[in-house]
């Protein structure tokens, strides 16, 4: 249902995020002010004038835009991408690391509407189940959101995978000694930097063509030359071919086997219909002796039976075998 602009937030035991901006857009970021009230174990109040002594977790500039593709057009409750900045964009504001609600300092956050999952628990549950054994799992916090004085509802504030959070690069003192790390985002609906097509040979001798569209999240696209683009495509091609080669274990030279196993177990346990190439991150750290690709959980709200495709919810099915939209790596 549409946002009810008459609803006023009095008090809550969740942190409250206030955003003030002229107009949020989908095509580009705009400047905004953000204040986060978090009284820890106590109640948080929507009226900051009547309750001026509340604990402020963050109070400063951000850049903001709508997030999502299908979710943006199909839902009244929108998700947002936010970046803390040191000043307004109009004044040359640059991304600024900030520690929000006890999470590690970072530059990239998302406010997820969880429009599909009315329990709002599926993503948080999937992350907590995976956190003890996966190398990197985004942190997440529940909160209430007010934009330009209008109460938007309960949201989840989440880290967004980035080179900083995932420690993809060497320290600055060693940055020039070897290439940076690599972070790729795969999804059905992205403005692709590469549309990679890999032809693999099946066990029966036939061939299949896997097509993957992805964005390069790191390094910055301004630093990616045509030669680097080609090299990234070749690396991904090698990974696909090695995984499809059932006669050898050469994939162990290219991927962190445990990371891929953990990702698959988590995706199959939760029945995440956006898993694999539907919406996922693949990354590789810049490490002198470790150049293996790893997987990262992301976008897990279509899970635990929350799907429009009945077969995906069956406990005895494997998500990765429903190849059409989400081919397995």
Protein backbone atom coordinates (compact mmCIF):
# COMPACT_ATOMS: atom_id res chain seq x y z
CA UNK A 1 0.00 0.00 0.00
CA UNK A 2 1.09 3.64 -0.49
CA UNK A 3 2.84 5.48 2.35
CA UNK A 4 0.27 6.96 4.74
CA UNK A 5 1.52 10.53 5.21
CA UNK A 6 -0.79 11.06 8.18
CA UNK A 7 1.09 8.59 10.41
CA UNK A 8 3.28 10.24 13.03
CA UNK A 9 6.07 8.41 14.86
CA UNK A 10 5.85 9.12 18.58
CA UNK A 11 8.34 6.73 20.17
CA UNK A 12 10.08 3.47 19.33
CA UNK A 13 12.75 1.17 20.67
CA UNK A 14 14.45 1.26 17.26
CA UNK A 15 16.89 3.97 16.14
CA UNK A 16 15.25 6.75 14.11
CA UNK A 17 16.85 8.06 10.92
CA UNK A 18 15.79 11.55 9.80
CA UNK A 19 16.56 12.60 6.20
CA UNK A 20 15.96 16.09 4.86
CA UNK A 21 16.36 16.78 1.14
CA UNK A 22 14.65 18.56 -1.74
CA UNK A 23 13.98 15.60 -4.00
CA UNK A 24 15.32 12.05 -4.13
CA UNK A 25 16.11 10.80 -7.63
CA UNK A 26 16.85 7.42 -9.15
CA UNK A 27 19.24 8.54 -11.88
CA UNK A 28 21.74 10.44 -9.71
CA UNK A 29 22.66 11.33 -6.17
CA UNK A 30 21.43 14.49 -4.47
CA UNK A 31 22.55 16.25 -1.30
CA UNK A 32 20.73 15.65 1.96
CA UNK A 33 21.08 16.05 5.71
CA UNK A 34 20.79 13.00 7.94
CA UNK A 35 20.39 12.69 11.69
CA UNK A 36 20.28 9.36 13.53
CA UNK A 37 18.80 9.23 17.04
CA UNK A 38 19.74 6.16 19.06
CA UNK A 39 19.21 6.07 22.81
CA UNK A 40 20.51 2.50 23.05
CA UNK A 41 18.36 0.62 25.59
CA UNK A 42 15.89 3.49 25.97
CA UNK A 43 13.12 4.79 23.74
CA UNK A 44 13.74 7.05 20.75
CA UNK A 45 11.36 9.90 20.06
CA UNK A 46 10.26 11.30 16.71
CA UNK A 47 9.81 14.78 18.17
CA UNK A 48 13.40 15.97 18.59
CA UNK A 49 12.27 19.42 19.79
CA UNK A 50 10.30 18.06 22.73
CA UNK A 51 13.12 15.58 23.45
CA UNK A 52 16.31 17.56 22.73
CA UNK A 53 18.63 15.45 24.92
CA UNK A 54 18.44 12.28 22.84
CA UNK A 55 21.70 10.60 21.85
CA UNK A 56 22.66 11.51 18.28
CA UNK A 57 24.59 8.78 16.47
CA UNK A 58 25.15 10.80 13.28
CA UNK A 59 24.32 14.36 12.25
CA UNK A 60 25.68 15.59 8.95
CA UNK A 61 25.66 15.57 5.16
CA UNK A 62 24.97 12.60 2.92
CA UNK A 63 24.30 11.95 -0.74
CA UNK A 64 21.21 9.88 -1.46
CA UNK A 65 19.42 8.20 -4.36
CA UNK A 66 16.75 5.57 -4.83
CA UNK A 67 18.06 2.03 -4.96
CA UNK A 68 16.88 -0.97 -6.94
CA UNK A 69 15.41 -1.77 -10.32
CA UNK A 70 12.26 -3.91 -10.24
CA UNK A 71 11.73 -3.03 -6.56
CA UNK A 72 11.78 0.69 -7.39
CA UNK A 73 9.02 0.47 -9.99
CA UNK A 74 6.90 -2.18 -8.26
CA UNK A 75 6.87 -0.89 -4.67
CA UNK A 76 5.56 2.28 -3.03
CA UNK A 77 8.01 1.89 -0.18
CA UNK A 78 11.38 2.70 -1.74
CA UNK A 79 14.89 1.63 -0.80
CA UNK A 80 17.75 4.15 -0.73
CA UNK A 81 21.49 4.21 -1.27
CA UNK A 82 23.28 6.66 1.01
CA UNK A 83 26.86 7.92 1.28
CA UNK A 84 28.08 10.10 4.16
CA UNK A 85 29.82 13.21 2.77
CA UNK A 86 32.01 15.91 4.32
CA UNK A 87 29.85 18.69 2.81
CA UNK A 88 26.96 19.12 0.33
CA UNK A 89 27.60 17.89 -3.21
CA UNK A 90 27.04 21.42 -4.51
CA UNK A 91 30.05 22.51 -2.45
CA UNK A 92 32.27 19.71 -3.73
CA UNK A 93 31.34 17.25 -1.02
CA UNK A 94 33.30 14.01 -1.04
CA UNK A 95 32.51 10.59 0.38
CA UNK A 96 33.38 10.41 4.04
CA UNK A 97 33.79 7.34 6.25
CA UNK A 98 31.25 7.18 9.05
CA UNK A 99 30.42 4.69 11.77
CA UNK A 100 26.65 4.27 11.83
CA UNK A 101 24.80 2.45 14.62
CA UNK A 102 27.87 0.61 15.82
CA UNK A 103 28.83 -0.84 12.43
CA UNK A 104 32.37 -0.56 11.15
CA UNK A 105 33.32 2.73 9.53
CA UNK A 106 32.40 2.84 5.88
CA UNK A 107 31.39 5.03 2.95
CA UNK A 108 28.54 2.98 1.49
CA UNK A 109 25.22 2.11 3.14
CA UNK A 110 21.75 1.13 1.97
CA UNK A 111 18.35 1.66 3.58
CA UNK A 112 16.34 -1.40 2.58
CA UNK A 113 12.55 -1.17 2.53
CA UNK A 114 12.07 -4.96 2.79
CA UNK A 115 8.83 -4.43 0.85
CA UNK A 116 8.57 -8.06 -0.24
CA UNK A 117 9.37 -9.61 3.14
CA UNK A 118 6.69 -8.35 5.53
CA UNK A 119 8.42 -10.09 8.47
CA UNK A 120 11.58 -8.07 7.63
CA UNK A 121 13.58 -10.89 9.19
CA UNK A 122 14.72 -13.02 6.27
CA UNK A 123 17.81 -11.03 5.27
CA UNK A 124 18.94 -10.48 8.86
CA UNK A 125 18.45 -14.17 9.65
CA UNK A 126 20.38 -15.32 6.58
CA UNK A 127 23.29 -13.02 7.46
CA UNK A 128 23.43 -14.15 11.08
CA UNK A 129 23.37 -17.82 10.08
CA UNK A 130 26.31 -17.25 7.72
CA UNK A 131 28.35 -14.85 9.86
CA UNK A 132 30.23 -17.48 11.92
CA UNK A 133 31.77 -19.18 8.89
CA UNK A 134 31.84 -16.83 5.89
CA UNK A 135 34.75 -14.45 5.38
CA UNK A 136 32.64 -11.31 4.99
CA UNK A 137 28.93 -10.85 5.75
CA UNK A 138 27.32 -7.38 5.73
CA UNK A 139 26.21 -5.95 9.06
CA UNK A 140 22.61 -4.85 9.35
CA UNK A 141 20.52 -2.75 11.79
CA UNK A 142 16.76 -2.27 12.10
CA UNK A 143 15.57 1.35 12.23
CA UNK A 144 12.64 3.70 11.56
CA UNK A 145 12.89 6.21 8.71
CA UNK A 146 11.45 9.73 8.40
CA UNK A 147 12.06 11.60 5.12
CA UNK A 148 11.19 15.31 4.98
CA UNK A 149 8.98 14.91 8.03
CA UNK A 150 7.00 11.97 6.58
CA UNK A 151 7.21 8.64 8.37
CA UNK A 152 8.28 5.92 5.90
CA UNK A 153 8.15 2.86 8.18
CA UNK A 154 10.61 0.28 9.48
CA UNK A 155 13.76 -0.20 7.41
CA UNK A 156 17.03 -2.05 7.67
CA UNK A 157 20.24 -0.05 7.47
CA UNK A 158 22.89 -2.27 5.90
CA UNK A 159 26.50 -2.04 4.96
CA UNK A 160 27.09 -2.33 1.24
CA UNK A 161 30.02 -4.53 0.18
CA UNK A 162 32.98 -2.32 -0.71
CA UNK A 163 36.74 -2.51 -1.10
CA UNK A 164 37.23 -0.89 2.30
CA UNK A 165 34.94 -3.20 4.27
CA UNK A 166 36.20 -6.33 2.54
CA UNK A 167 39.86 -5.28 2.80
CA UNK A 168 40.47 -5.79 -0.90
CA UNK A 169 43.54 -3.58 -1.21
CA UNK A 170 46.92 -3.40 0.40
CA UNK A 171 47.63 -0.59 2.88
CA UNK A 172 48.32 2.76 1.19
CA UNK A 173 52.04 2.47 1.87
CA UNK A 174 52.14 -0.62 -0.36
CA UNK A 175 49.41 0.39 -2.83
CA UNK A 176 51.75 0.95 -5.76
CA UNK A 177 53.51 -2.38 -5.52
CA UNK A 178 50.85 -4.55 -7.17
CA UNK A 179 47.33 -4.45 -8.63
CA UNK A 180 44.33 -3.60 -6.50
CA UNK A 181 41.64 -6.01 -5.44
CA UNK A 182 38.57 -6.73 -7.54
CA UNK A 183 34.87 -6.48 -6.67
CA UNK A 184 32.21 -7.49 -9.22
CA UNK A 185 28.43 -7.26 -8.84
CA UNK A 186 26.27 -9.67 -10.83
CA UNK A 187 22.56 -9.10 -11.37
CA UNK A 188 19.80 -9.64 -13.90
CA UNK A 189 19.17 -5.91 -14.22
CA UNK A 190 22.35 -3.85 -14.11
CA UNK A 191 23.99 -1.26 -16.29
CA UNK A 192 26.61 -3.82 -17.24
CA UNK A 193 30.28 -2.95 -17.61
CA UNK A 194 30.80 -6.41 -19.13
CA UNK A 195 28.41 -8.93 -20.66
CA UNK A 196 30.54 -12.04 -20.37
CA UNK A 197 29.66 -15.12 -22.44
CA UNK A 198 31.40 -18.38 -21.66
CA UNK A 199 30.92 -21.59 -23.64
CA UNK A 200 31.22 -24.71 -21.49
CA UNK A 201 31.17 -28.39 -22.43
CA UNK A 202 28.58 -30.50 -20.64
CA UNK A 203 29.17 -34.02 -19.38
CA UNK A 204 27.15 -35.40 -22.31
CA UNK A 205 29.49 -33.70 -24.77
CA UNK A 206 27.11 -30.88 -25.69
CA UNK A 207 27.78 -27.20 -25.05
CA UNK A 208 26.08 -24.44 -23.08
CA UNK A 209 26.66 -20.71 -23.16
CA UNK A 210 26.56 -18.89 -19.85
CA UNK A 211 25.92 -15.15 -20.01
CA UNK A 212 26.74 -12.98 -17.02
CA UNK A 213 26.16 -9.23 -16.80
CA UNK A 214 28.06 -7.42 -14.09
CA UNK A 215 29.25 -4.08 -12.83
CA UNK A 216 32.79 -3.42 -11.71
CA UNK A 217 32.46 -1.95 -8.21
CA UNK A 218 36.21 -1.88 -7.58
CA UNK A 219 38.54 -0.57 -8.88
CA UNK A 220 36.86 2.67 -9.89
CA UNK A 221 35.72 2.60 -13.51
CA UNK A 222 37.74 5.76 -14.17
CA UNK A 223 40.85 3.63 -13.59
CA UNK A 224 39.71 0.69 -15.73
CA UNK A 225 41.25 0.68 -19.20
CA UNK A 226 40.03 -1.48 -22.11
CA UNK A 227 42.96 -3.81 -21.41
CA UNK A 228 41.87 -4.21 -17.78
CA UNK A 229 38.29 -4.90 -18.91
CA UNK A 230 39.55 -7.64 -21.16
CA UNK A 231 41.67 -9.11 -18.38
CA UNK A 232 38.71 -9.20 -15.99
CA UNK A 233 36.60 -10.97 -18.61
CA UNK A 234 39.38 -13.50 -19.19
CA UNK A 235 39.67 -14.22 -15.45
CA UNK A 236 35.94 -14.84 -15.15
CA UNK A 237 36.01 -17.01 -18.27
CA UNK A 238 38.75 -19.14 -16.71
CA UNK A 239 36.73 -19.55 -13.51
CA UNK A 240 33.62 -20.69 -15.40
CA UNK A 241 35.56 -23.13 -17.56
CA UNK A 242 37.43 -24.57 -14.57
CA UNK A 243 34.24 -25.10 -12.59
CA UNK A 244 32.61 -26.81 -15.56
CA UNK A 245 35.59 -29.13 -16.08
CA UNK A 246 34.51 -32.19 -14.07
CA UNK A 247 37.64 -34.10 -15.07
CA UNK A 248 40.05 -31.91 -13.08
CA UNK A 249 40.32 -29.84 -9.93
CA UNK A 250 42.08 -26.84 -11.52
CA UNK A 251 39.31 -24.62 -10.14
CA UNK A 252 41.15 -24.79 -6.81
CA UNK A 253 43.84 -22.58 -8.34
CA UNK A 254 41.26 -19.87 -9.11
CA UNK A 255 38.64 -19.88 -6.35
CA UNK A 256 38.51 -20.21 -2.59
CA UNK A 257 36.70 -23.52 -2.54
CA UNK A 258 35.40 -23.14 1.02
CA UNK A 259 33.96 -19.70 0.26
CA UNK A 260 32.02 -21.06 -2.74
CA UNK A 261 30.79 -24.04 -0.71
CA UNK A 262 29.66 -21.79 2.15
CA UNK A 263 27.89 -19.47 -0.29
CA UNK A 264 26.08 -22.37 -1.94
CA UNK A 265 25.07 -23.94 1.36
CA UNK A 266 23.68 -20.63 2.58
CA UNK A 267 21.87 -19.96 -0.72
CA UNK A 268 20.33 -23.42 -0.83
CA UNK A 269 19.43 -23.47 2.87
CA UNK A 270 17.59 -20.14 2.60
CA UNK A 271 16.26 -20.87 -0.91
CA UNK A 272 17.40 -17.44 -2.03
CA UNK A 273 15.96 -16.97 -5.50
CA UNK A 274 18.36 -14.08 -6.21
CA UNK A 275 21.42 -16.19 -5.47
CA UNK A 276 24.33 -16.87 -7.81
CA UNK A 277 24.13 -14.58 -10.85
CA UNK A 278 20.75 -13.17 -9.89
CA UNK A 279 22.26 -10.68 -7.40
CA UNK A 280 25.65 -11.47 -5.91
CA UNK A 281 29.16 -10.17 -5.30
CA UNK A 282 32.34 -11.90 -6.43
CA UNK A 283 35.60 -10.52 -5.07
CA UNK A 284 39.34 -11.06 -4.98
CA UNK A 285 41.76 -9.46 -2.56
CA UNK A 286 45.08 -7.88 -3.50
CA UNK A 287 47.32 -10.25 -1.56
CA UNK A 288 50.79 -11.46 -2.55
CA UNK A 289 49.98 -15.14 -2.07
CA UNK A 290 46.17 -15.17 -2.28
CA UNK A 291 44.58 -14.34 -5.63
CA UNK A 292 41.52 -16.58 -5.23
CA UNK A 293 37.96 -15.43 -5.96
CA UNK A 294 35.39 -15.50 -3.12
CA UNK A 295 31.62 -15.08 -2.86
CA UNK A 296 29.64 -12.68 -0.70
CA UNK A 297 26.01 -12.96 0.45
CA UNK A 298 23.71 -10.17 -0.70
CA UNK A 299 20.05 -9.49 -1.45
CA UNK A 300 18.47 -12.31 0.58
CA UNK A 301 14.91 -11.04 1.05
CA UNK A 302 13.48 -13.42 -1.58
CA UNK A 303 14.21 -16.46 0.58
CA UNK A 304 12.77 -18.94 3.09
CA UNK A 305 9.75 -19.57 0.83
CA UNK A 306 9.21 -15.90 -0.13
CA UNK A 307 9.05 -16.30 -3.91
CA UNK A 308 6.65 -16.10 -6.83
CA UNK A 309 8.22 -19.24 -8.31
CA UNK A 310 6.71 -22.18 -6.36
CA UNK A 311 9.41 -24.67 -7.37
CA UNK A 312 12.08 -22.49 -5.74
CA UNK A 313 10.46 -22.94 -2.33
CA UNK A 314 10.46 -26.76 -2.42
CA UNK A 315 12.85 -28.17 0.16
CA UNK A 316 14.11 -30.96 -2.11
CA UNK A 317 15.06 -28.67 -5.03
CA UNK A 318 18.43 -27.02 -5.70
CA UNK A 319 18.26 -23.34 -6.63
CA UNK A 320 21.38 -23.53 -8.78
CA UNK A 321 19.80 -26.15 -11.05
CA UNK A 322 17.00 -23.76 -12.07
CA UNK A 323 19.52 -22.30 -14.46
CA UNK A 324 17.49 -19.91 -16.66
CA UNK A 325 17.82 -16.65 -14.75
CA UNK A 326 20.42 -17.57 -12.16
CA UNK A 327 23.09 -19.86 -13.62
CA UNK A 328 25.48 -21.28 -11.05
CA UNK A 329 29.13 -20.35 -11.10
